[in-house]
C-alpha atoms as a PDB file:
ATOM      1  CA  MET A   1    -146.321-134.964 -78.370  1.00  0.00           C
ATOM      2  CA  PRO A   2    -143.943-136.059 -75.605  1.00  0.00           C
ATOM      3  CA  VAL A   3    -142.442-133.153 -73.692  1.00  0.00           C
ATOM      4  CA  VAL A   4    -138.999-133.706 -72.185  1.00  0.00           C
ATOM      5  CA  THR A   5    -137.422-131.530 -69.509  1.00  0.00           C
ATOM      6  CA  VAL A   6    -133.736-131.848 -68.667  1.00  0.00           C
ATOM      7  CA  THR A   7    -132.476-130.182 -65.499  1.00  0.00           C
ATOM      8  CA  ALA A   8    -128.687-130.399 -65.419  1.00  0.00           C
ATOM      9  CA  PRO A   9    -125.454-128.445 -65.103  1.00  0.00           C
ATOM     10  CA  ALA A  10    -124.875-125.903 -67.865  1.00  0.00           C
ATOM     11  CA  LEU A  11    -123.461-126.890 -71.242  1.00  0.00           C
ATOM     12  CA  ALA A  12    -122.069-124.416 -73.777  1.00  0.00           C
ATOM     13  CA  GLY A  13    -124.718-123.156 -76.228  1.00  0.00           C
ATOM     14  CA  PRO A  14    -123.765-125.254 -79.284  1.00  0.00           C
ATOM     15  CA  ASP A  15    -123.156-128.311 -77.087  1.00  0.00           C
ATOM     16  CA  LEU A  16    -126.548-127.890 -75.439  1.00  0.00           C
ATOM     17  CA  ALA A  17    -128.388-127.572 -78.750  1.00  0.00           C
ATOM     18  CA  ALA A  18    -126.627-130.674 -80.087  1.00  0.00           C
ATOM     19  CA  ALA A  19    -127.364-132.625 -76.889  1.00  0.00           C
ATOM     20  CA  LEU A  20    -131.055-131.716 -76.968  1.00  0.00           C
ATOM     21  CA  GLY A  21    -131.305-132.577 -80.659  1.00  0.00           C
ATOM     22  CA  GLU A  22    -129.693-135.964 -80.071  1.00  0.00           C
ATOM     23  CA  LEU A  23    -132.007-136.515 -77.124  1.00  0.00           C
ATOM     24  CA  ALA A  24    -135.079-135.781 -79.279  1.00  0.00           C
ATOM     25  CA  GLY A  25    -133.812-138.166 -81.948  1.00  0.00           C
ATOM     26  CA  GLU A  26    -133.113-141.061 -79.602  1.00  0.00           C
ATOM     27  CA  ILE A  27    -136.432-140.705 -77.786  1.00  0.00           C
ATOM     28  CA  ALA A  28    -138.252-140.509 -81.118  1.00  0.00           C
ATOM     29  CA  THR A  29    -136.539-143.677 -82.326  1.00  0.00           C
ATOM     30  CA  ALA A  30    -137.556-145.517 -79.150  1.00  0.00           C
ATOM     31  CA  LEU A  31    -141.168-144.376 -79.608  1.00  0.00           C
ATOM     32  CA  GLU A  32    -141.247-144.901 -83.387  1.00  0.00           C
ATOM     33  CA  LEU A  33    -141.833-141.179 -83.955  1.00  0.00           C
ATOM     34  CA  GLN A  34    -139.972-138.407 -85.756  1.00  0.00           C
ATOM     35  CA  ALA A  35    -137.587-136.133 -83.853  1.00  0.00           C
ATOM     36  CA  SER A  36    -139.917-133.252 -84.762  1.00  0.00           C
ATOM     37  CA  ASP A  37    -142.612-134.998 -82.679  1.00  0.00           C
ATOM     38  CA  ILE A  38    -140.579-134.514 -79.473  1.00  0.00           C
ATOM     39  CA  TYR A  39    -140.330-131.216 -77.546  1.00  0.00           C
ATOM     40  CA  VAL A  40    -137.192-130.956 -75.407  1.00  0.00           C
ATOM     41  CA  THR A  41    -136.248-128.119 -73.079  1.00  0.00           C
ATOM     42  CA  ALA A  42    -133.339-127.659 -70.684  1.00  0.00           C
ATOM     43  CA  LEU A  43    -133.036-125.896 -67.367  1.00  0.00           C
ATOM     44  CA  THR A  44    -129.718-125.218 -65.664  1.00  0.00           C
ATOM     45  CA  SER A  45    -129.262-126.502 -62.111  1.00  0.00           C
ATOM     46  CA  ALA A  46    -128.415-123.571 -59.858  1.00  0.00           C
ATOM     47  CA  ALA A  47    -127.506-125.625 -56.790  1.00  0.00           C
ATOM     48  CA  SER A  48    -128.084-129.079 -55.330  1.00  0.00           C
ATOM     49  CA  VAL A  49    -128.027-130.529 -51.843  1.00  0.00           C
ATOM     50  CA  ILE A  50    -128.585-133.863 -50.197  1.00  0.00           C
ATOM     51  CA  GLY A  51    -130.114-132.987 -46.864  1.00  0.00           C
ATOM     52  CA  THR A  52    -128.141-129.886 -45.955  1.00  0.00           C
ATOM     53  CA  GLU A  53    -124.907-130.838 -47.749  1.00  0.00           C
ATOM     54  CA  PRO A  54    -124.132-129.168 -51.079  1.00  0.00           C
ATOM     55  CA  VAL A  55    -123.425-131.727 -53.809  1.00  0.00           C
ATOM     56  CA  PRO A  56    -122.625-131.512 -57.509  1.00  0.00           C
ATOM     57  CA  ALA A  57    -125.760-131.208 -59.612  1.00  0.00           C
ATOM     58  CA  LEU A  58    -126.807-134.409 -61.339  1.00  0.00           C
ATOM     59  CA  PRO A  59    -129.020-134.555 -64.426  1.00  0.00           C
ATOM     60  CA  VAL A  60    -132.757-135.150 -64.064  1.00  0.00           C
ATOM     61  CA  VAL A  61    -134.797-136.059 -67.161  1.00  0.00           C
ATOM     62  CA  LEU A  62    -138.592-136.007 -67.022  1.00  0.00           C
ATOM     63  CA  LEU A  63    -140.489-137.344 -70.019  1.00  0.00           C
ATOM     64  CA  HIS A  64    -144.129-136.233 -70.012  1.00  0.00           C
ATOM     65  CA  GLY A  65    -146.468-138.101 -72.317  1.00  0.00           C
ATOM     66  CA  GLY A  66    -149.536-140.216 -72.700  1.00  0.00           C
ATOM     67  CA  ARG A  67    -149.723-143.892 -71.908  1.00  0.00           C
ATOM     68  CA  ARG A  68    -147.872-146.113 -74.369  1.00  0.00           C
ATOM     69  CA  ALA A  69    -146.704-149.690 -74.276  1.00  0.00           C
ATOM     70  CA  ARG A  70    -144.590-150.149 -71.160  1.00  0.00           C
ATOM     71  CA  SER A  71    -141.665-151.335 -73.290  1.00  0.00           C
ATOM     72  CA  ALA A  72    -141.811-148.131 -75.372  1.00  0.00           C
ATOM     73  CA  MET A  73    -141.885-145.869 -72.308  1.00  0.00           C
ATOM     74  CA  GLU A  74    -138.978-147.771 -70.758  1.00  0.00           C
ATOM     75  CA  ALA A  75    -136.985-147.681 -74.017  1.00  0.00           C
ATOM     76  CA  ALA A  76    -137.513-143.914 -74.311  1.00  0.00           C
ATOM     77  CA  ARG A  77    -136.531-143.376 -70.684  1.00  0.00           C
ATOM     78  CA  ASP A  78    -133.411-145.527 -71.031  1.00  0.00           C
ATOM     79  CA  ALA A  79    -132.395-143.834 -74.294  1.00  0.00           C
ATOM     80  CA  ALA A  80    -132.793-140.420 -72.660  1.00  0.00           C
ATOM     81  CA  ALA A  81    -130.683-141.440 -69.665  1.00  0.00           C
ATOM     82  CA  GLU A  82    -127.926-142.787 -71.932  1.00  0.00           C
ATOM     83  CA  VAL A  83    -127.727-139.610 -74.034  1.00  0.00           C
ATOM     84  CA  VAL A  84    -127.770-137.339 -70.983  1.00  0.00           C
ATOM     85  CA  ALA A  85    -125.127-139.403 -69.162  1.00  0.00           C
ATOM     86  CA  ARG A  86    -122.802-139.200 -72.167  1.00  0.00           C
ATOM     87  CA  ARG A  87    -123.438-135.558 -73.083  1.00  0.00           C
ATOM     88  CA  TRP A  88    -123.188-134.309 -69.485  1.00  0.00           C
ATOM     89  CA  ASP A  89    -120.264-136.640 -68.715  1.00  0.00           C
ATOM     90  CA  CYS A  90    -122.057-138.272 -65.809  1.00  0.00           C
ATOM     91  CA  PRO A  91    -122.133-141.935 -64.772  1.00  0.00           C
ATOM     92  CA  PRO A  92    -125.359-143.485 -66.141  1.00  0.00           C
ATOM     93  CA  ASP A  93    -126.461-144.590 -62.681  1.00  0.00           C
ATOM     94  CA  ARG A  94    -126.338-140.945 -61.536  1.00  0.00           C
ATOM     95  CA  VAL A  95    -128.936-139.754 -64.083  1.00  0.00           C
ATOM     96  CA  TRP A  96    -132.527-139.718 -62.868  1.00  0.00           C
ATOM     97  CA  ALA A  97    -134.907-140.362 -65.771  1.00  0.00           C
ATOM     98  CA  GLN A  98    -138.633-140.955 -65.425  1.00  0.00           C
ATOM     99  CA  TRP A  99    -141.686-141.185 -67.680  1.00  0.00           C
ATOM    100  CA  ILE A 100    -144.587-139.208 -66.226  1.00  0.00           C
ATOM    101  CA  LEU A 101    -148.063-139.898 -67.584  1.00  0.00           C
ATOM    102  CA  SER A 102    -149.774-136.702 -68.694  1.00  0.00           C
ATOM    103  CA  ASP A 103    -153.230-138.249 -68.759  1.00  0.00           C
ATOM    104  CA  ASP A 104    -155.593-139.239 -65.978  1.00  0.00           C
ATOM    105  CA  GLU A 105    -155.587-142.971 -66.697  1.00  0.00           C
ATOM    106  CA  PRO A 106    -154.848-145.225 -63.719  1.00  0.00           C
END
């Protein structure tokens, strides 16, 4: 089961639930799974800096899962970044999204 963590500025409760549900659905589609196969959680960014300068918080999406076809992992990552960019009203190139292997394979 892929586990997805979104760290981003706060969204209102109903908006957050809808965003996370859409995120699960889009990742599942990319991986040929069901949305119920994807666990998604969100954390609110308290503060962000670059060096010592405060900056607006930007979304970070980490997808934790086992090794899959590279194209599937990239499709899931890209789908996650697109949903988060739209839902958090952030330029797509300002969303950090990464697939992290949860196994010990090289």
